[in-house]
Amino acid sequence: KIEPVDKRMLKANAHEAMQHQAEQQIQMLKRQAELLIKQAKAIEERLALSHSIYKAEINFEPVINGVYHLYQKKDGNQILSMVAPYEWGKAMPFEMFLNTVRLLPDKTWEILA
């Protein structure tokens, strides 16, 4: 027995399935785009930090994955040190501790604390 096809129902079901699939794919692409934008911003921030650190006084050769400490001197200039803030005792020779940083393999820096 052959039943006639309800063309309106066939088209409505196809349209609903198509719309649902397209919306899922669009949402997935939006999430991926947001992630890429977030990653790009993180790289820009790391690059800005790295420029700042390379402008600082560095009296040694930092090694990859080495942990260092960034300070601000009384004259406003920055200096990178191997000495952590807690290692100075009561007489830290700098105006202010700024960050603990690590040198990454691509020669950019990341803030640890």
PDB file of N, CA and C in Angstrom:
ATOM      1  N   LYS A   1       0.846  -1.172   0.000  1.00  0.00           N
ATOM      2  CA  LYS A   1       0.000   0.000   0.000  1.00  0.00           C
ATOM      3  C   LYS A   1       0.896   1.241   0.000  1.00  0.00           C
ATOM      4  N   ILE A   2       0.668   2.107  -0.910  1.00  0.00           N
ATOM      5  CA  ILE A   2       1.439   3.344  -1.038  1.00  0.00           C
ATOM      6  C   ILE A   2       0.602   4.483  -0.497  1.00  0.00           C
ATOM      7  N   GLU A   3       1.203   5.203   0.462  1.00  0.00           N
ATOM      8  CA  GLU A   3       0.516   6.342   1.079  1.00  0.00           C
ATOM      9  C   GLU A   3       1.004   7.616   0.405  1.00  0.00           C
ATOM     10  N   PRO A   4       0.142   8.553   0.187  1.00  0.00           N
ATOM     11  CA  PRO A   4       0.601   9.826  -0.372  1.00  0.00           C
ATOM     12  C   PRO A   4       1.455  10.580   0.671  1.00  0.00           C
ATOM     13  N   VAL A   5       2.422  11.296   0.187  1.00  0.00           N
ATOM     14  CA  VAL A   5       3.323  12.039   1.054  1.00  0.00           C
ATOM     15  C   VAL A   5       2.748  13.425   1.296  1.00  0.00           C
ATOM     16  N   ASP A   6       2.740  13.798   2.589  1.00  0.00           N
ATOM     17  CA  ASP A   6       2.301  15.149   2.940  1.00  0.00           C
ATOM     18  C   ASP A   6       3.498  16.071   2.739  1.00  0.00           C
ATOM     19  N   LYS A   7       3.508  16.744   1.607  1.00  0.00           N
ATOM     20  CA  LYS A   7       4.660  17.576   1.246  1.00  0.00           C
ATOM     21  C   LYS A   7       4.892  18.715   2.240  1.00  0.00           C
ATOM     22  N   ARG A   8       3.837  19.247   2.795  1.00  0.00           N
ATOM     23  CA  ARG A   8       3.998  20.330   3.767  1.00  0.00           C
ATOM     24  C   ARG A   8       4.697  19.825   5.014  1.00  0.00           C
ATOM     25  N   MET A   9       4.319  18.639   5.497  1.00  0.00           N
ATOM     26  CA  MET A   9       4.938  18.066   6.686  1.00  0.00           C
ATOM     27  C   MET A   9       6.392  17.703   6.404  1.00  0.00           C
ATOM     28  N   LEU A  10       6.663  17.153   5.239  1.00  0.00           N
ATOM     29  CA  LEU A  10       8.020  16.798   4.841  1.00  0.00           C
ATOM     30  C   LEU A  10       8.911  18.035   4.847  1.00  0.00           C
ATOM     31  N   LYS A  11       8.445  19.112   4.255  1.00  0.00           N
ATOM     32  CA  LYS A  11       9.223  20.359   4.196  1.00  0.00           C
ATOM     33  C   LYS A  11       9.381  20.975   5.583  1.00  0.00           C
ATOM     34  N   ALA A  12       8.339  20.928   6.389  1.00  0.00           N
ATOM     35  CA  ALA A  12       8.409  21.495   7.738  1.00  0.00           C
ATOM     36  C   ALA A  12       9.427  20.741   8.587  1.00  0.00           C
ATOM     37  N   ASN A  13       9.426  19.414   8.517  1.00  0.00           N
ATOM     38  CA  ASN A  13      10.390  18.611   9.276  1.00  0.00           C
ATOM     39  C   ASN A  13      11.822  18.866   8.797  1.00  0.00           C
ATOM     40  N   ALA A  14      11.989  18.942   7.496  1.00  0.00           N
ATOM     41  CA  ALA A  14      13.320  19.200   6.941  1.00  0.00           C
ATOM     42  C   ALA A  14      13.806  20.584   7.368  1.00  0.00           C
ATOM     43  N   HIS A  15      12.931  21.566   7.306  1.00  0.00           N
ATOM     44  CA  HIS A  15      13.294  22.926   7.691  1.00  0.00           C
ATOM     45  C   HIS A  15      13.683  22.983   9.168  1.00  0.00           C
ATOM     46  N   GLU A  16      12.927  22.311  10.028  1.00  0.00           N
ATOM     47  CA  GLU A  16      13.216  22.311  11.463  1.00  0.00           C
ATOM     48  C   GLU A  16      14.566  21.645  11.752  1.00  0.00           C
ATOM     49  N   ALA A  17      14.826  20.512  11.114  1.00  0.00           N
ATOM     50  CA  ALA A  17      16.093  19.807  11.310  1.00  0.00           C
ATOM     51  C   ALA A  17      17.254  20.653  10.794  1.00  0.00           C
ATOM     52  N   MET A  18      17.062  21.261   9.633  1.00  0.00           N
ATOM     53  CA  MET A  18      18.102  22.104   9.045  1.00  0.00           C
ATOM     54  C   MET A  18      18.405  23.289   9.965  1.00  0.00           C
ATOM     55  N   GLN A  19      17.374  23.938  10.467  1.00  0.00           N
ATOM     56  CA  GLN A  19      17.532  25.101  11.340  1.00  0.00           C
ATOM     57  C   GLN A  19      18.262  24.721  12.622  1.00  0.00           C
ATOM     58  N   HIS A  20      17.871  23.599  13.204  1.00  0.00           N
ATOM     59  CA  HIS A  20      18.496  23.132  14.444  1.00  0.00           C
ATOM     60  C   HIS A  20      19.983  22.853  14.225  1.00  0.00           C
ATOM     61  N   GLN A  21      20.309  22.134  13.163  1.00  0.00           N
ATOM     62  CA  GLN A  21      21.716  21.815  12.873  1.00  0.00           C
ATOM     63  C   GLN A  21      22.533  23.069  12.616  1.00  0.00           C
ATOM     64  N   ALA A  22      21.987  23.981  11.834  1.00  0.00           N
ATOM     65  CA  ALA A  22      22.703  25.217  11.521  1.00  0.00           C
ATOM     66  C   ALA A  22      22.944  26.039  12.784  1.00  0.00           C
ATOM     67  N   GLU A  23      21.972  26.141  13.674  1.00  0.00           N
ATOM     68  CA  GLU A  23      22.131  26.890  14.917  1.00  0.00           C
ATOM     69  C   GLU A  23      23.198  26.258  15.807  1.00  0.00           C
ATOM     70  N   GLN A  24      23.240  24.934  15.863  1.00  0.00           N
ATOM     71  CA  GLN A  24      24.273  24.259  16.651  1.00  0.00           C
ATOM     72  C   GLN A  24      25.659  24.554  16.096  1.00  0.00           C
ATOM     73  N   GLN A  25      25.799  24.505  14.785  1.00  0.00           N
ATOM     74  CA  GLN A  25      27.093  24.772  14.163  1.00  0.00           C
ATOM     75  C   GLN A  25      27.504  26.231  14.365  1.00  0.00           C
ATOM     76  N   ILE A  26      26.562  27.147  14.254  1.00  0.00           N
ATOM     77  CA  ILE A  26      26.855  28.568  14.464  1.00  0.00           C
ATOM     78  C   ILE A  26      27.305  28.801  15.897  1.00  0.00           C
ATOM     79  N   GLN A  27      26.626  28.203  16.867  1.00  0.00           N
ATOM     80  CA  GLN A  27      27.013  28.364  18.272  1.00  0.00           C
ATOM     81  C   GLN A  27      28.407  27.792  18.529  1.00  0.00           C
ATOM     82  N   MET A  28      28.708  26.661  17.932  1.00  0.00           N
ATOM     83  CA  MET A  28      30.032  26.061  18.092  1.00  0.00           C
ATOM     84  C   MET A  28      31.101  26.990  17.512  1.00  0.00           C
ATOM     85  N   LEU A  29      30.851  27.555  16.336  1.00  0.00           N
ATOM     86  CA  LEU A  29      31.812  28.471  15.721  1.00  0.00           C
ATOM     87  C   LEU A  29      31.975  29.740  16.546  1.00  0.00           C
ATOM     88  N   LYS A  30      30.897  30.233  17.141  1.00  0.00           N
ATOM     89  CA  LYS A  30      30.983  31.419  18.001  1.00  0.00           C
ATOM     90  C   LYS A  30      31.837  31.135  19.223  1.00  0.00           C
ATOM     91  N   ARG A  31      31.676  29.956  19.836  1.00  0.00           N
ATOM     92  CA  ARG A  31      32.497  29.587  20.992  1.00  0.00           C
ATOM     93  C   ARG A  31      33.968  29.488  20.597  1.00  0.00           C
ATOM     94  N   GLN A  32      34.231  28.904  19.427  1.00  0.00           N
ATOM     95  CA  GLN A  32      35.609  28.802  18.953  1.00  0.00           C
ATOM     96  C   GLN A  32      36.201  30.190  18.697  1.00  0.00           C
ATOM     97  N   ALA A  33      35.414  31.085  18.110  1.00  0.00           N
ATOM     98  CA  ALA A  33      35.878  32.444  17.848  1.00  0.00           C
ATOM     99  C   ALA A  33      36.174  33.171  19.155  1.00  0.00           C
ATOM    100  N   GLU A  34      35.308  33.010  20.151  1.00  0.00           N
ATOM    101  CA  GLU A  34      35.533  33.634  21.458  1.00  0.00           C
ATOM    102  C   GLU A  34      36.819  33.115  22.090  1.00  0.00           C
ATOM    103  N   LEU A  35      37.066  31.817  21.958  1.00  0.00           N
ATOM    104  CA  LEU A  35      38.292  31.237  22.494  1.00  0.00           C
ATOM    105  C   LEU A  35      39.518  31.809  21.784  1.00  0.00           C
ATOM    106  N   LEU A  36      39.451  31.926  20.465  1.00  0.00           N
ATOM    107  CA  LEU A  36      40.568  32.488  19.707  1.00  0.00           C
ATOM    108  C   LEU A  36      40.825  33.934  20.094  1.00  0.00           C
ATOM    109  N   ILE A  37      39.770  34.703  20.287  1.00  0.00           N
ATOM    110  CA  ILE A  37      39.919  36.100  20.705  1.00  0.00           C
ATOM    111  C   ILE A  37      40.555  36.161  22.090  1.00  0.00           C
ATOM    112  N   LYS A  38      40.113  35.301  22.989  1.00  0.00           N
ATOM    113  CA  LYS A  38      40.679  35.254  24.346  1.00  0.00           C
ATOM    114  C   LYS A  38      42.163  34.891  24.289  1.00  0.00           C
ATOM    115  N   GLN A  39      42.517  33.914  23.452  1.00  0.00           N
ATOM    116  CA  GLN A  39      43.909  33.511  23.319  1.00  0.00           C
ATOM    117  C   GLN A  39      44.745  34.640  22.715  1.00  0.00           C
ATOM    118  N   ALA A  40      44.209  35.345  21.736  1.00  0.00           N
ATOM    119  CA  ALA A  40      44.926  36.463  21.116  1.00  0.00           C
ATOM    120  C   ALA A  40      45.163  37.572  22.134  1.00  0.00           C
ATOM    121  N   LYS A  41      44.171  37.862  22.969  1.00  0.00           N
ATOM    122  CA  LYS A  41      44.334  38.887  24.006  1.00  0.00           C
ATOM    123  C   LYS A  41      45.403  38.479  25.011  1.00  0.00           C
ATOM    124  N   ALA A  42      45.440  37.206  25.369  1.00  0.00           N
ATOM    125  CA  ALA A  42      46.452  36.726  26.311  1.00  0.00           C
ATOM    126  C   ALA A  42      47.851  36.884  25.718  1.00  0.00           C
ATOM    127  N   ILE A  43      48.001  36.615  24.435  1.00  0.00           N
ATOM    128  CA  ILE A  43      49.292  36.783  23.773  1.00  0.00           C
ATOM    129  C   ILE A  43      49.669  38.262  23.728  1.00  0.00           C
ATOM    130  N   GLU A  44      48.704  39.129  23.436  1.00  0.00           N
ATOM    131  CA  GLU A  44      48.979  40.575  23.427  1.00  0.00           C
ATOM    132  C   GLU A  44      49.420  41.060  24.805  1.00  0.00           C
ATOM    133  N   GLU A  45      48.773  40.571  25.854  1.00  0.00           N
ATOM    134  CA  GLU A  45      49.139  40.959  27.218  1.00  0.00           C
ATOM    135  C   GLU A  45      50.535  40.449  27.570  1.00  0.00           C
ATOM    136  N   ARG A  46      50.829  39.216  27.158  1.00  0.00           N
ATOM    137  CA  ARG A  46      52.153  38.653  27.411  1.00  0.00           C
ATOM    138  C   ARG A  46      53.227  39.434  26.650  1.00  0.00           C
ATOM    139  N   LEU A  47      52.907  39.856  25.449  1.00  0.00           N
ATOM    140  CA  LEU A  47      53.836  40.642  24.643  1.00  0.00           C
ATOM    141  C   LEU A  47      54.089  42.007  25.278  1.00  0.00           C
ATOM    142  N   ALA A  48      53.040  42.655  25.757  1.00  0.00           N
ATOM    143  CA  ALA A  48      53.194  43.959  26.425  1.00  0.00           C
ATOM    144  C   ALA A  48      54.054  43.810  27.680  1.00  0.00           C
ATOM    145  N   LEU A  49      53.797  42.769  28.467  1.00  0.00           N
ATOM    146  CA  LEU A  49      54.607  42.499  29.656  1.00  0.00           C
ATOM    147  C   LEU A  49      56.061  42.276  29.255  1.00  0.00           C
ATOM    148  N   SER A  50      56.276  41.517  28.204  1.00  0.00           N
ATOM    149  CA  SER A  50      57.631  41.207  27.759  1.00  0.00           C
ATOM    150  C   SER A  50      58.373  42.466  27.329  1.00  0.00           C
ATOM    151  N   HIS A  51      57.706  43.349  26.600  1.00  0.00           N
ATOM    152  CA  HIS A  51      58.334  44.619  26.214  1.00  0.00           C
ATOM    153  C   HIS A  51      58.732  45.397  27.466  1.00  0.00           C
ATOM    154  N   SER A  52      57.857  45.423  28.441  1.00  0.00           N
ATOM    155  CA  SER A  52      58.129  46.134  29.693  1.00  0.00           C
ATOM    156  C   SER A  52      59.341  45.543  30.402  1.00  0.00           C
ATOM    157  N   ILE A  53      59.411  44.221  30.474  1.00  0.00           N
ATOM    158  CA  ILE A  53      60.527  43.571  31.153  1.00  0.00           C
ATOM    159  C   ILE A  53      61.839  43.816  30.406  1.00  0.00           C
ATOM    160  N   TYR A  54      61.797  43.760  29.081  1.00  0.00           N
ATOM    161  CA  TYR A  54      63.033  43.984  28.325  1.00  0.00           C
ATOM    162  C   TYR A  54      63.496  45.438  28.385  1.00  0.00           C
ATOM    163  N   LYS A  55      62.628  46.348  28.803  1.00  0.00           N
ATOM    164  CA  LYS A  55      63.036  47.743  29.033  1.00  0.00           C
ATOM    165  C   LYS A  55      63.677  47.894  30.425  1.00  0.00           C
ATOM    166  N   ALA A  56      63.424  46.926  31.291  1.00  0.00           N
ATOM    167  CA  ALA A  56      63.952  46.975  32.657  1.00  0.00           C
ATOM    168  C   ALA A  56      65.453  46.699  32.654  1.00  0.00           C
ATOM    169  N   GLU A  57      66.090  47.056  33.752  1.00  0.00           N
ATOM    170  CA  GLU A  57      67.508  46.750  33.943  1.00  0.00           C
ATOM    171  C   GLU A  57      67.624  45.255  34.227  1.00  0.00           C
ATOM    172  N   ILE A  58      68.479  44.582  33.449  1.00  0.00           N
ATOM    173  CA  ILE A  58      68.711  43.146  33.640  1.00  0.00           C
ATOM    174  C   ILE A  58      70.221  42.953  33.670  1.00  0.00           C
ATOM    175  N   ASN A  59      70.741  42.550  34.819  1.00  0.00           N
ATOM    176  CA  ASN A  59      72.187  42.426  34.991  1.00  0.00           C
ATOM    177  C   ASN A  59      72.674  40.981  34.955  1.00  0.00           C
ATOM    178  N   PHE A  60      71.920  40.105  34.325  1.00  0.00           N
ATOM    179  CA  PHE A  60      72.274  38.696  34.197  1.00  0.00           C
ATOM    180  C   PHE A  60      71.545  38.176  32.976  1.00  0.00           C
ATOM    181  N   GLU A  61      71.875  36.963  32.546  1.00  0.00           N
ATOM    182  CA  GLU A  61      71.186  36.375  31.399  1.00  0.00           C
ATOM    183  C   GLU A  61      70.106  35.418  31.896  1.00  0.00           C
ATOM    184  N   PRO A  62      68.838  35.804  31.726  1.00  0.00           N
ATOM    185  CA  PRO A  62      67.743  34.921  32.175  1.00  0.00           C
ATOM    186  C   PRO A  62      67.737  33.616  31.373  1.00  0.00           C
ATOM    187  N   VAL A  63      67.372  32.532  32.037  1.00  0.00           N
ATOM    188  CA  VAL A  63      67.288  31.238  31.369  1.00  0.00           C
ATOM    189  C   VAL A  63      65.826  30.845  31.175  1.00  0.00           C
ATOM    190  N   ILE A  64      65.590  30.061  30.152  1.00  0.00           N
ATOM    191  CA  ILE A  64      64.232  29.597  29.843  1.00  0.00           C
ATOM    192  C   ILE A  64      63.665  28.868  31.055  1.00  0.00           C
ATOM    193  N   ASN A  65      62.432  29.169  31.374  1.00  0.00           N
ATOM    194  CA  ASN A  65      61.690  28.627  32.518  1.00  0.00           C
ATOM    195  C   ASN A  65      62.222  29.114  33.864  1.00  0.00           C
ATOM    196  N   GLY A  66      63.164  30.041  33.830  1.00  0.00           N
ATOM    197  CA  GLY A  66      63.652  30.621  35.071  1.00  0.00           C
ATOM    198  C   GLY A  66      62.610  31.555  35.677  1.00  0.00           C
ATOM    199  N   VAL A  67      62.569  31.591  36.991  1.00  0.00           N
ATOM    200  CA  VAL A  67      61.624  32.446  37.716  1.00  0.00           C
ATOM    201  C   VAL A  67      62.400  33.635  38.270  1.00  0.00           C
ATOM    202  N   TYR A  68      61.883  34.832  37.991  1.00  0.00           N
ATOM    203  CA  TYR A  68      62.552  36.064  38.385  1.00  0.00           C
ATOM    204  C   TYR A  68      61.543  37.021  39.001  1.00  0.00           C
ATOM    205  N   HIS A  69      62.058  38.134  39.502  1.00  0.00           N
ATOM    206  CA  HIS A  69      61.207  39.071  40.224  1.00  0.00           C
ATOM    207  C   HIS A  69      61.448  40.477  39.688  1.00  0.00           C
ATOM    208  N   LEU A  70      60.367  41.151  39.397  1.00  0.00           N
ATOM    209  CA  LEU A  70      60.427  42.487  38.813  1.00  0.00           C
ATOM    210  C   LEU A  70      60.125  43.515  39.903  1.00  0.00           C
ATOM    211  N   TYR A  71      61.006  44.495  40.014  1.00  0.00           N
ATOM    212  CA  TYR A  71      60.872  45.548  41.021  1.00  0.00           C
ATOM    213  C   TYR A  71      60.876  46.912  40.345  1.00  0.00           C
ATOM    214  N   GLN A  72      60.359  47.883  41.064  1.00  0.00           N
ATOM    215  CA  GLN A  72      60.469  49.267  40.636  1.00  0.00           C
ATOM    216  C   GLN A  72      61.437  49.978  41.571  1.00  0.00           C
ATOM    217  N   LYS A  73      62.387  50.679  40.973  1.00  0.00           N
ATOM    218  CA  LYS A  73      63.368  51.421  41.764  1.00  0.00           C
ATOM    219  C   LYS A  73      62.793  52.780  42.147  1.00  0.00           C
ATOM    220  N   LYS A  74      63.478  53.469  43.045  1.00  0.00           N
ATOM    221  CA  LYS A  74      63.009  54.781  43.518  1.00  0.00           C
ATOM    222  C   LYS A  74      62.908  55.803  42.391  1.00  0.00           C
ATOM    223  N   ASP A  75      63.755  55.669  41.355  1.00  0.00           N
ATOM    224  CA  ASP A  75      63.716  56.617  40.242  1.00  0.00           C
ATOM    225  C   ASP A  75      62.628  56.271  39.216  1.00  0.00           C
ATOM    226  N   GLY A  76      61.847  55.215  39.488  1.00  0.00           N
ATOM    227  CA  GLY A  76      60.754  54.830  38.602  1.00  0.00           C
ATOM    228  C   GLY A  76      61.129  53.761  37.594  1.00  0.00           C
ATOM    229  N   ASN A  77      62.407  53.530  37.382  1.00  0.00           N
ATOM    230  CA  ASN A  77      62.849  52.480  36.469  1.00  0.00           C
ATOM    231  C   ASN A  77      62.611  51.115  37.095  1.00  0.00           C
ATOM    232  N   GLN A  78      62.529  50.121  36.230  1.00  0.00           N
ATOM    233  CA  GLN A  78      62.311  48.762  36.713  1.00  0.00           C
ATOM    234  C   GLN A  78      63.598  47.965  36.629  1.00  0.00           C
ATOM    235  N   ILE A  79      63.675  46.937  37.464  1.00  0.00           N
ATOM    236  CA  ILE A  79      64.833  46.051  37.476  1.00  0.00           C
ATOM    237  C   ILE A  79      64.356  44.618  37.680  1.00  0.00           C
ATOM    238  N   LEU A  80      64.969  43.701  36.947  1.00  0.00           N
ATOM    239  CA  LEU A  80      64.658  42.279  37.086  1.00  0.00           C
ATOM    240  C   LEU A  80      65.711  41.656  37.991  1.00  0.00           C
ATOM    241  N   SER A  81      65.273  40.849  38.938  1.00  0.00           N
ATOM    242  CA  SER A  81      66.182  40.275  39.927  1.00  0.00           C
ATOM    243  C   SER A  81      65.911  38.784  40.103  1.00  0.00           C
ATOM    244  N   MET A  82      66.940  38.087  40.528  1.00  0.00           N
ATOM    245  CA  MET A  82      66.788  36.677  40.883  1.00  0.00           C
ATOM    246  C   MET A  82      66.346  36.534  42.336  1.00  0.00           C
ATOM    247  N   VAL A  83      66.356  37.624  43.082  1.00  0.00           N
ATOM    248  CA  VAL A  83      66.045  37.598  44.509  1.00  0.00           C
ATOM    249  C   VAL A  83      64.552  37.878  44.723  1.00  0.00           C
ATOM    250  N   ALA A  84      63.887  36.974  45.408  1.00  0.00           N
ATOM    251  CA  ALA A  84      62.458  37.106  45.693  1.00  0.00           C
ATOM    252  C   ALA A  84      62.233  38.147  46.786  1.00  0.00           C
ATOM    253  N   PRO A  85      61.053  38.733  46.855  1.00  0.00           N
ATOM    254  CA  PRO A  85      60.777  39.754  47.866  1.00  0.00           C
ATOM    255  C   PRO A  85      61.021  39.274  49.298  1.00  0.00           C
ATOM    256  N   TYR A  86      60.675  38.036  49.599  1.00  0.00           N
ATOM    257  CA  TYR A  86      60.837  37.529  50.962  1.00  0.00           C
ATOM    258  C   TYR A  86      62.306  37.266  51.304  1.00  0.00           C
ATOM    259  N   GLU A  87      63.178  37.226  50.297  1.00  0.00           N
ATOM    260  CA  GLU A  87      64.590  36.957  50.545  1.00  0.00           C
ATOM    261  C   GLU A  87      65.378  38.210  50.947  1.00  0.00           C
ATOM    262  N   TRP A  88      64.783  39.383  50.795  1.00  0.00           N
ATOM    263  CA  TRP A  88      65.488  40.620  51.141  1.00  0.00           C
ATOM    264  C   TRP A  88      65.495  40.881  52.647  1.00  0.00           C
ATOM    265  N   GLY A  89      64.611  40.268  53.349  1.00  0.00           N
ATOM    266  CA  GLY A  89      64.479  40.577  54.776  1.00  0.00           C
ATOM    267  C   GLY A  89      63.773  41.916  54.932  1.00  0.00           C
ATOM    268  N   LYS A  90      64.183  42.713  55.879  1.00  0.00           N
ATOM    269  CA  LYS A  90      63.511  43.991  56.145  1.00  0.00           C
ATOM    270  C   LYS A  90      63.992  45.113  55.236  1.00  0.00           C
ATOM    271  N   ALA A  91      65.109  44.934  54.583  1.00  0.00           N
ATOM    272  CA  ALA A  91      65.719  46.030  53.830  1.00  0.00           C
ATOM    273  C   ALA A  91      65.708  45.789  52.320  1.00  0.00           C
ATOM    274  N   MET A  92      64.549  45.699  51.721  1.00  0.00           N
ATOM    275  CA  MET A  92      64.473  45.561  50.272  1.00  0.00           C
ATOM    276  C   MET A  92      65.022  46.849  49.646  1.00  0.00           C
ATOM    277  N   PRO A  93      65.964  46.735  48.726  1.00  0.00           N
ATOM    278  CA  PRO A  93      66.618  47.931  48.193  1.00  0.00           C
ATOM    279  C   PRO A  93      65.802  48.678  47.130  1.00  0.00           C
ATOM    280  N   PHE A  94      64.620  48.210  46.831  1.00  0.00           N
ATOM    281  CA  PHE A  94      63.818  48.834  45.785  1.00  0.00           C
ATOM    282  C   PHE A  94      62.546  49.433  46.374  1.00  0.00           C
ATOM    283  N   GLU A  95      61.965  50.312  45.614  1.00  0.00           N
ATOM    284  CA  GLU A  95      60.750  51.009  46.052  1.00  0.00           C
ATOM    285  C   GLU A  95      59.571  50.040  46.194  1.00  0.00           C
ATOM    286  N   MET A  96      59.445  49.147  45.185  1.00  0.00           N
ATOM    287  CA  MET A  96      58.241  48.318  45.157  1.00  0.00           C
ATOM    288  C   MET A  96      58.485  47.018  44.391  1.00  0.00           C
ATOM    289  N   PHE A  97      57.893  45.943  44.883  1.00  0.00           N
ATOM    290  CA  PHE A  97      57.848  44.670  44.157  1.00  0.00           C
ATOM    291  C   PHE A  97      56.676  44.733  43.185  1.00  0.00           C
ATOM    292  N   LEU A  98      56.898  44.320  41.926  1.00  0.00           N
ATOM    293  CA  LEU A  98      55.828  44.368  40.924  1.00  0.00           C
ATOM    294  C   LEU A  98      55.251  42.984  40.619  1.00  0.00           C
ATOM    295  N   ASN A  99      56.109  42.049  40.197  1.00  0.00           N
ATOM    296  CA  ASN A  99      55.623  40.729  39.795  1.00  0.00           C
ATOM    297  C   ASN A  99      56.720  39.686  39.909  1.00  0.00           C
ATOM    298  N   THR A 100      56.291  38.445  40.066  1.00  0.00           N
ATOM    299  CA  THR A 100      57.163  37.303  39.853  1.00  0.00           C
ATOM    300  C   THR A 100      56.836  36.795  38.462  1.00  0.00           C
ATOM    301  N   VAL A 101      57.875  36.577  37.652  1.00  0.00           N
ATOM    302  CA  VAL A 101      57.669  36.236  36.244  1.00  0.00           C
ATOM    303  C   VAL A 101      58.524  35.035  35.849  1.00  0.00           C
ATOM    304  N   ARG A 102      58.128  34.403  34.745  1.00  0.00           N
ATOM    305  CA  ARG A 102      58.885  33.266  34.206  1.00  0.00           C
ATOM    306  C   ARG A 102      59.167  33.547  32.734  1.00  0.00           C
ATOM    307  N   LEU A 103      60.401  33.237  32.315  1.00  0.00           N
ATOM    308  CA  LEU A 103      60.777  33.367  30.906  1.00  0.00           C
ATOM    309  C   LEU A 103      60.333  32.117  30.165  1.00  0.00           C
ATOM    310  N   LEU A 104      59.542  32.299  29.138  1.00  0.00           N
ATOM    311  CA  LEU A 104      59.026  31.181  28.350  1.00  0.00           C
ATOM    312  C   LEU A 104      59.969  30.872  27.184  1.00  0.00           C
ATOM    313  N   PRO A 105      59.838  29.686  26.585  1.00  0.00           N
ATOM    314  CA  PRO A 105      60.739  29.305  25.489  1.00  0.00           C
ATOM    315  C   PRO A 105      60.720  30.258  24.287  1.00  0.00           C
ATOM    316  N   ASP A 106      59.619  30.963  24.085  1.00  0.00           N
ATOM    317  CA  ASP A 106      59.560  31.905  22.959  1.00  0.00           C
ATOM    318  C   ASP A 106      60.131  33.278  23.322  1.00  0.00           C
ATOM    319  N   LYS A 107      60.776  33.355  24.502  1.00  0.00           N
ATOM    320  CA  LYS A 107      61.421  34.571  25.024  1.00  0.00           C
ATOM    321  C   LYS A 107      60.421  35.631  25.472  1.00  0.00           C
ATOM    322  N   THR A 108      59.150  35.258  25.592  1.00  0.00           N
ATOM    323  CA  THR A 108      58.183  36.151  26.231  1.00  0.00           C
ATOM    324  C   THR A 108      58.117  35.760  27.695  1.00  0.00           C
ATOM    325  N   TRP A 109      57.433  36.592  28.468  1.00  0.00           N
ATOM    326  CA  TRP A 109      57.348  36.389  29.908  1.00  0.00           C
ATOM    327  C   TRP A 109      55.903  36.191  30.322  1.00  0.00           C
ATOM    328  N   GLU A 110      55.724  35.410  31.384  1.00  0.00           N
ATOM    329  CA  GLU A 110      54.399  35.261  31.970  1.00  0.00           C
ATOM    330  C   GLU A 110      54.472  35.633  33.432  1.00  0.00           C
ATOM    331  N   ILE A 111      53.384  36.221  33.929  1.00  0.00           N
ATOM    332  CA  ILE A 111      53.307  36.587  35.336  1.00  0.00           C
ATOM    333  C   ILE A 111      52.900  35.360  36.144  1.00  0.00           C
ATOM    334  N   LEU A 112      53.649  35.089  37.192  1.00  0.00           N
ATOM    335  CA  LEU A 112      53.321  33.988  38.095  1.00  0.00           C
ATOM    336  C   LEU A 112      52.620  34.511  39.348  1.00  0.00           C
ATOM    337  N   ALA A 113      53.032  35.671  39.822  1.00  0.00           N
ATOM    338  CA  ALA A 113      52.415  36.243  41.019  1.00  0.00           C
ATOM    339  C   ALA A 113      52.642  37.729  41.032  1.00  0.00           C
TER     340      ALA A 113
END
